[in-house]
Amino acid sequence: MHCHYVVNPVSFKDGAKFKNKIGDHKELRKISDEICREHGLSVLKNSDFYSKGKKKEYWVHKAGKKTHRDYLREDVEYCLSFATSPREFESQLYALGYTLDPVRFSVKAKHWERAVRLNA
């Protein structure tokens, strides 16, 4: 069970346009959760669905596919399993088509718009 919202894009109070920001989603979710609880329905707790990038990632995984971060994670783990030094790790990533920024500790593939930071 889920719900849908119908929102007037222009405020009847001041004529301001609805900007559809993440704070609006969180407020609508609070209202939805209250309604669900009133009717004895379950609510998602501690969901990071609206966190940065999580919504798109959710739908990609639901379709049985992988995100570019999934592929990166697999490639990094592969390189780490064989690398015996940081220099060798970097050269293995390079061989797979990545570039490594050692200052920011981020990785970028040729076809990506932005680099992805690696977490220690």
N, C-alpha and C. Protein backbone atom coordinates (compact mmCIF):
# COMPACT_ATOMS: atom_id res chain seq x y z
N MET A 1 0.85 -1.17 0.00
CA MET A 1 0.00 0.00 0.00
C MET A 1 0.90 1.24 0.00
N HIS A 2 0.52 2.23 -0.74
CA HIS A 2 1.26 3.48 -0.78
C HIS A 2 0.28 4.61 -1.07
N CYS A 3 0.78 5.82 -1.05
CA CYS A 3 -0.13 6.94 -1.31
C CYS A 3 0.45 7.86 -2.37
N HIS A 4 -0.42 8.65 -2.96
CA HIS A 4 -0.04 9.66 -3.93
C HIS A 4 -0.53 11.01 -3.43
N TYR A 5 0.16 12.06 -3.80
CA TYR A 5 -0.23 13.41 -3.42
C TYR A 5 -0.62 14.19 -4.66
N VAL A 6 -1.64 14.98 -4.53
CA VAL A 6 -2.01 15.93 -5.58
C VAL A 6 -1.76 17.30 -4.97
N VAL A 7 -0.87 18.05 -5.58
CA VAL A 7 -0.44 19.32 -5.02
C VAL A 7 -0.73 20.44 -6.01
N ASN A 8 -1.37 21.48 -5.52
CA ASN A 8 -1.59 22.66 -6.34
C ASN A 8 -0.23 23.35 -6.50
N PRO A 9 0.24 23.57 -7.72
CA PRO A 9 1.57 24.13 -7.90
C PRO A 9 1.68 25.61 -7.50
N VAL A 10 0.56 26.27 -7.28
CA VAL A 10 0.59 27.69 -6.89
C VAL A 10 -0.20 27.86 -5.59
N SER A 11 0.43 28.49 -4.61
CA SER A 11 -0.19 28.69 -3.30
C SER A 11 -1.39 29.62 -3.40
N PHE A 12 -2.49 29.22 -2.76
CA PHE A 12 -3.67 30.09 -2.73
C PHE A 12 -3.47 31.24 -1.74
N LYS A 13 -2.47 31.11 -0.85
CA LYS A 13 -2.22 32.16 0.14
C LYS A 13 -1.46 33.35 -0.45
N ASP A 14 -0.34 33.04 -1.13
CA ASP A 14 0.51 34.14 -1.61
C ASP A 14 0.89 34.04 -3.09
N GLY A 15 0.40 33.03 -3.78
CA GLY A 15 0.71 32.89 -5.21
C GLY A 15 2.08 32.32 -5.50
N ALA A 16 2.83 31.93 -4.45
CA ALA A 16 4.17 31.37 -4.66
C ALA A 16 4.07 29.99 -5.29
N LYS A 17 5.04 29.68 -6.15
CA LYS A 17 5.07 28.37 -6.80
C LYS A 17 5.64 27.32 -5.86
N PHE A 18 5.11 26.11 -5.93
CA PHE A 18 5.63 24.97 -5.18
C PHE A 18 6.95 24.55 -5.81
N LYS A 19 8.02 24.53 -5.03
CA LYS A 19 9.36 24.29 -5.58
C LYS A 19 9.77 22.82 -5.53
N ASN A 20 9.01 21.98 -4.84
CA ASN A 20 9.27 20.54 -4.81
C ASN A 20 10.68 20.21 -4.33
N LYS A 21 11.05 20.74 -3.19
CA LYS A 21 12.37 20.50 -2.61
C LYS A 21 12.30 19.29 -1.68
N ILE A 22 13.46 18.78 -1.30
CA ILE A 22 13.51 17.59 -0.44
C ILE A 22 12.82 17.84 0.89
N GLY A 23 12.86 19.06 1.40
CA GLY A 23 12.18 19.38 2.65
C GLY A 23 10.67 19.22 2.51
N ASP A 24 10.15 19.53 1.32
CA ASP A 24 8.73 19.33 1.06
C ASP A 24 8.37 17.85 1.09
N HIS A 25 9.25 17.03 0.51
CA HIS A 25 9.02 15.58 0.52
C HIS A 25 9.02 15.05 1.95
N LYS A 26 9.96 15.55 2.75
CA LYS A 26 10.03 15.08 4.15
C LYS A 26 8.79 15.49 4.93
N GLU A 27 8.30 16.69 4.68
CA GLU A 27 7.09 17.15 5.36
C GLU A 27 5.88 16.32 4.92
N LEU A 28 5.77 16.06 3.63
CA LEU A 28 4.67 15.23 3.13
C LEU A 28 4.77 13.81 3.70
N ARG A 29 5.97 13.33 3.85
CA ARG A 29 6.16 11.99 4.42
C ARG A 29 5.71 11.95 5.88
N LYS A 30 6.02 13.01 6.65
CA LYS A 30 5.56 13.06 8.04
C LYS A 30 4.04 13.00 8.10
N ILE A 31 3.39 13.74 7.23
CA ILE A 31 1.92 13.75 7.19
C ILE A 31 1.40 12.36 6.81
N SER A 32 2.02 11.76 5.79
CA SER A 32 1.61 10.44 5.35
C SER A 32 1.79 9.41 6.46
N ASP A 33 2.91 9.48 7.17
CA ASP A 33 3.16 8.55 8.28
C ASP A 33 2.10 8.70 9.37
N GLU A 34 1.73 9.93 9.68
CA GLU A 34 0.70 10.16 10.69
C GLU A 34 -0.63 9.53 10.27
N ILE A 35 -1.00 9.72 9.00
CA ILE A 35 -2.24 9.15 8.49
C ILE A 35 -2.20 7.62 8.54
N CYS A 36 -1.07 7.04 8.15
CA CYS A 36 -0.93 5.59 8.19
C CYS A 36 -1.06 5.05 9.61
N ARG A 37 -0.41 5.72 10.55
CA ARG A 37 -0.50 5.28 11.95
C ARG A 37 -1.93 5.36 12.47
N GLU A 38 -2.64 6.42 12.09
CA GLU A 38 -4.03 6.58 12.52
C GLU A 38 -4.90 5.42 12.04
N HIS A 39 -4.55 4.85 10.88
CA HIS A 39 -5.33 3.76 10.31
C HIS A 39 -4.69 2.39 10.53
N GLY A 40 -3.70 2.33 11.42
CA GLY A 40 -3.07 1.06 11.76
C GLY A 40 -2.19 0.47 10.67
N LEU A 41 -1.69 1.31 9.79
CA LEU A 41 -0.82 0.84 8.71
C LEU A 41 0.64 1.04 9.10
N SER A 42 1.51 0.27 8.48
CA SER A 42 2.93 0.37 8.80
C SER A 42 3.56 1.56 8.08
N VAL A 43 4.68 2.03 8.62
CA VAL A 43 5.46 3.11 8.00
C VAL A 43 6.91 2.68 7.92
N LEU A 44 7.63 3.23 6.97
CA LEU A 44 9.06 2.95 6.85
C LEU A 44 9.80 3.71 7.93
N LYS A 45 10.69 3.04 8.62
CA LYS A 45 11.48 3.71 9.66
C LYS A 45 12.93 3.83 9.19
N ASN A 46 13.52 4.95 9.46
CA ASN A 46 14.93 5.21 9.14
C ASN A 46 15.25 4.92 7.67
N SER A 47 14.34 5.25 6.79
CA SER A 47 14.56 5.02 5.37
C SER A 47 15.45 6.14 4.80
N ASP A 48 16.45 5.74 4.04
CA ASP A 48 17.31 6.73 3.38
C ASP A 48 16.92 6.86 1.91
N PHE A 49 15.66 6.54 1.61
CA PHE A 49 15.17 6.58 0.23
C PHE A 49 15.37 7.96 -0.39
N TYR A 50 15.23 9.03 0.40
CA TYR A 50 15.37 10.38 -0.13
C TYR A 50 16.77 10.94 0.04
N SER A 51 17.72 10.12 0.46
CA SER A 51 19.09 10.59 0.56
C SER A 51 19.65 10.80 -0.84
N LYS A 52 20.73 11.52 -0.90
CA LYS A 52 21.32 11.85 -2.18
C LYS A 52 21.62 10.60 -3.01
N GLY A 53 20.99 10.49 -4.17
CA GLY A 53 21.25 9.40 -5.09
C GLY A 53 20.56 8.09 -4.76
N LYS A 54 19.93 7.97 -3.62
CA LYS A 54 19.36 6.69 -3.20
C LYS A 54 18.12 6.31 -4.00
N LYS A 55 17.32 7.28 -4.39
CA LYS A 55 16.09 6.98 -5.10
C LYS A 55 16.39 6.36 -6.47
N LYS A 56 17.31 6.97 -7.20
CA LYS A 56 17.69 6.44 -8.51
C LYS A 56 18.32 5.06 -8.35
N GLU A 57 19.19 4.93 -7.36
CA GLU A 57 19.86 3.66 -7.09
C GLU A 57 18.82 2.57 -6.76
N TYR A 58 17.82 2.93 -5.99
CA TYR A 58 16.76 1.99 -5.62
C TYR A 58 16.09 1.41 -6.87
N TRP A 59 15.72 2.28 -7.82
CA TRP A 59 15.01 1.81 -9.01
C TRP A 59 15.92 1.01 -9.93
N VAL A 60 17.19 1.35 -10.00
CA VAL A 60 18.13 0.57 -10.82
C VAL A 60 18.25 -0.83 -10.24
N HIS A 61 18.43 -0.94 -8.92
CA HIS A 61 18.55 -2.24 -8.27
C HIS A 61 17.24 -3.04 -8.39
N LYS A 62 16.12 -2.34 -8.28
CA LYS A 62 14.82 -3.02 -8.39
C LYS A 62 14.65 -3.64 -9.78
N ALA A 63 15.23 -3.01 -10.79
CA ALA A 63 15.17 -3.53 -12.16
C ALA A 63 16.19 -4.64 -12.38
N GLY A 64 16.94 -5.01 -11.33
CA GLY A 64 17.92 -6.08 -11.45
C GLY A 64 19.21 -5.66 -12.12
N LYS A 65 19.47 -4.36 -12.16
CA LYS A 65 20.68 -3.86 -12.80
C LYS A 65 21.64 -3.33 -11.74
N LYS A 66 22.80 -2.89 -12.21
CA LYS A 66 23.81 -2.33 -11.31
C LYS A 66 24.05 -0.86 -11.66
N THR A 67 24.40 -0.08 -10.64
CA THR A 67 24.76 1.32 -10.85
C THR A 67 26.26 1.39 -11.17
N HIS A 68 26.71 2.56 -11.61
CA HIS A 68 28.14 2.71 -11.88
C HIS A 68 28.94 2.56 -10.59
N ARG A 69 28.34 2.90 -9.45
CA ARG A 69 29.03 2.71 -8.17
C ARG A 69 29.17 1.23 -7.83
N ASP A 70 28.19 0.43 -8.21
CA ASP A 70 28.30 -1.02 -8.00
C ASP A 70 29.47 -1.58 -8.79
N TYR A 71 29.56 -1.17 -10.06
CA TYR A 71 30.68 -1.63 -10.89
C TYR A 71 32.01 -1.14 -10.33
N LEU A 72 32.04 0.11 -9.89
CA LEU A 72 33.27 0.66 -9.31
C LEU A 72 33.67 -0.14 -8.07
N ARG A 73 32.71 -0.43 -7.20
CA ARG A 73 32.99 -1.19 -5.98
C ARG A 73 33.61 -2.55 -6.32
N GLU A 74 33.04 -3.23 -7.31
CA GLU A 74 33.57 -4.52 -7.73
C GLU A 74 34.99 -4.39 -8.27
N ASP A 75 35.22 -3.36 -9.09
CA ASP A 75 36.55 -3.15 -9.67
C ASP A 75 37.58 -2.79 -8.60
N VAL A 76 37.20 -1.96 -7.64
CA VAL A 76 38.12 -1.57 -6.57
C VAL A 76 38.47 -2.80 -5.73
N GLU A 77 37.47 -3.60 -5.39
CA GLU A 77 37.74 -4.82 -4.61
C GLU A 77 38.65 -5.77 -5.38
N TYR A 78 38.44 -5.89 -6.69
CA TYR A 78 39.29 -6.72 -7.53
C TYR A 78 40.74 -6.22 -7.49
N CYS A 79 40.91 -4.91 -7.69
CA CYS A 79 42.25 -4.33 -7.69
C CYS A 79 42.93 -4.48 -6.32
N LEU A 80 42.16 -4.28 -5.27
CA LEU A 80 42.73 -4.41 -3.92
C LEU A 80 43.17 -5.85 -3.63
N SER A 81 42.49 -6.80 -4.22
CA SER A 81 42.85 -8.20 -3.94
C SER A 81 44.20 -8.58 -4.55
N PHE A 82 44.66 -7.85 -5.57
CA PHE A 82 45.93 -8.17 -6.21
C PHE A 82 47.03 -7.14 -5.95
N ALA A 83 46.66 -5.92 -5.61
CA ALA A 83 47.67 -4.86 -5.44
C ALA A 83 48.46 -5.08 -4.17
N THR A 84 49.77 -4.87 -4.28
CA THR A 84 50.64 -5.00 -3.11
C THR A 84 51.15 -3.64 -2.65
N SER A 85 50.80 -2.58 -3.40
CA SER A 85 51.22 -1.23 -3.03
C SER A 85 50.20 -0.23 -3.58
N PRO A 86 50.18 0.98 -3.03
CA PRO A 86 49.27 2.00 -3.57
C PRO A 86 49.53 2.29 -5.05
N ARG A 87 50.79 2.28 -5.46
CA ARG A 87 51.14 2.53 -6.87
C ARG A 87 50.57 1.43 -7.77
N GLU A 88 50.65 0.19 -7.32
CA GLU A 88 50.12 -0.93 -8.09
C GLU A 88 48.58 -0.86 -8.15
N PHE A 89 47.95 -0.46 -7.06
CA PHE A 89 46.51 -0.28 -7.03
C PHE A 89 46.10 0.74 -8.07
N GLU A 90 46.81 1.86 -8.11
CA GLU A 90 46.51 2.92 -9.08
C GLU A 90 46.71 2.43 -10.51
N SER A 91 47.76 1.69 -10.77
CA SER A 91 48.01 1.21 -12.13
C SER A 91 46.96 0.17 -12.55
N GLN A 92 46.48 -0.63 -11.61
CA GLN A 92 45.43 -1.60 -11.95
C GLN A 92 44.11 -0.89 -12.26
N LEU A 93 43.79 0.14 -11.49
CA LEU A 93 42.60 0.93 -11.79
C LEU A 93 42.72 1.59 -13.16
N TYR A 94 43.90 2.11 -13.44
CA TYR A 94 44.15 2.75 -14.74
C TYR A 94 43.95 1.74 -15.87
N ALA A 95 44.42 0.51 -15.66
CA ALA A 95 44.28 -0.54 -16.68
C ALA A 95 42.80 -0.87 -16.94
N LEU A 96 41.97 -0.66 -15.93
CA LEU A 96 40.54 -0.90 -16.09
C LEU A 96 39.80 0.32 -16.66
N GLY A 97 40.53 1.40 -16.93
CA GLY A 97 39.92 2.59 -17.55
C GLY A 97 39.59 3.71 -16.59
N TYR A 98 40.07 3.64 -15.36
CA TYR A 98 39.80 4.67 -14.37
C TYR A 98 41.01 5.59 -14.21
N THR A 99 40.75 6.80 -13.73
CA THR A 99 41.83 7.67 -13.29
C THR A 99 41.61 7.92 -11.81
N LEU A 100 42.70 8.06 -11.07
CA LEU A 100 42.64 8.24 -9.62
C LEU A 100 43.21 9.60 -9.26
N ASP A 101 42.47 10.36 -8.50
CA ASP A 101 42.96 11.63 -7.95
C ASP A 101 43.47 11.33 -6.55
N PRO A 102 44.78 11.29 -6.36
CA PRO A 102 45.33 10.90 -5.06
C PRO A 102 45.08 11.93 -3.95
N VAL A 103 44.86 13.18 -4.31
CA VAL A 103 44.60 14.22 -3.30
C VAL A 103 43.20 14.05 -2.72
N ARG A 104 42.23 13.94 -3.58
CA ARG A 104 40.84 13.77 -3.13
C ARG A 104 40.48 12.30 -2.91
N PHE A 105 41.35 11.41 -3.32
CA PHE A 105 41.14 9.97 -3.27
C PHE A 105 39.81 9.63 -3.94
N SER A 106 39.71 10.11 -5.19
CA SER A 106 38.50 9.87 -5.97
C SER A 106 38.87 9.19 -7.28
N VAL A 107 37.89 8.51 -7.85
CA VAL A 107 38.09 7.74 -9.07
C VAL A 107 37.08 8.21 -10.11
N LYS A 108 37.53 8.24 -11.36
CA LYS A 108 36.64 8.66 -12.44
C LYS A 108 36.89 7.78 -13.65
N ALA A 109 35.80 7.29 -14.24
CA ALA A 109 35.89 6.57 -15.51
C ALA A 109 35.78 7.58 -16.64
N LYS A 110 36.23 7.21 -17.81
CA LYS A 110 36.26 8.15 -18.94
C LYS A 110 34.88 8.71 -19.29
N HIS A 111 33.85 7.89 -19.19
CA HIS A 111 32.51 8.31 -19.62
C HIS A 111 31.69 8.95 -18.48
N TRP A 112 32.26 9.07 -17.29
CA TRP A 112 31.54 9.69 -16.17
C TRP A 112 31.72 11.19 -16.20
N GLU A 113 30.68 11.91 -15.78
CA GLU A 113 30.77 13.36 -15.67
C GLU A 113 31.57 13.77 -14.44
N ARG A 114 31.39 13.03 -13.35
CA ARG A 114 32.02 13.40 -12.08
C ARG A 114 32.77 12.22 -11.48
N ALA A 115 33.75 12.54 -10.67
CA ALA A 115 34.52 11.52 -9.96
C ALA A 115 33.73 11.06 -8.73
N VAL A 116 34.07 9.86 -8.27
CA VAL A 116 33.46 9.29 -7.06
C VAL A 116 34.55 9.11 -6.03
N ARG A 117 34.32 9.63 -4.83
CA ARG A 117 35.30 9.48 -3.76
C ARG A 117 35.28 8.08 -3.21
N LEU A 118 36.47 7.57 -2.93
CA LEU A 118 36.60 6.28 -2.28
C LEU A 118 36.65 6.50 -0.78
N ASN A 119 35.93 5.70 -0.04
CA ASN A 119 35.94 5.80 1.42
C ASN A 119 36.98 4.87 1.98
N ALA A 120 37.67 5.35 2.98
CA ALA A 120 38.71 4.52 3.60
C ALA A 120 38.11 3.43 4.44
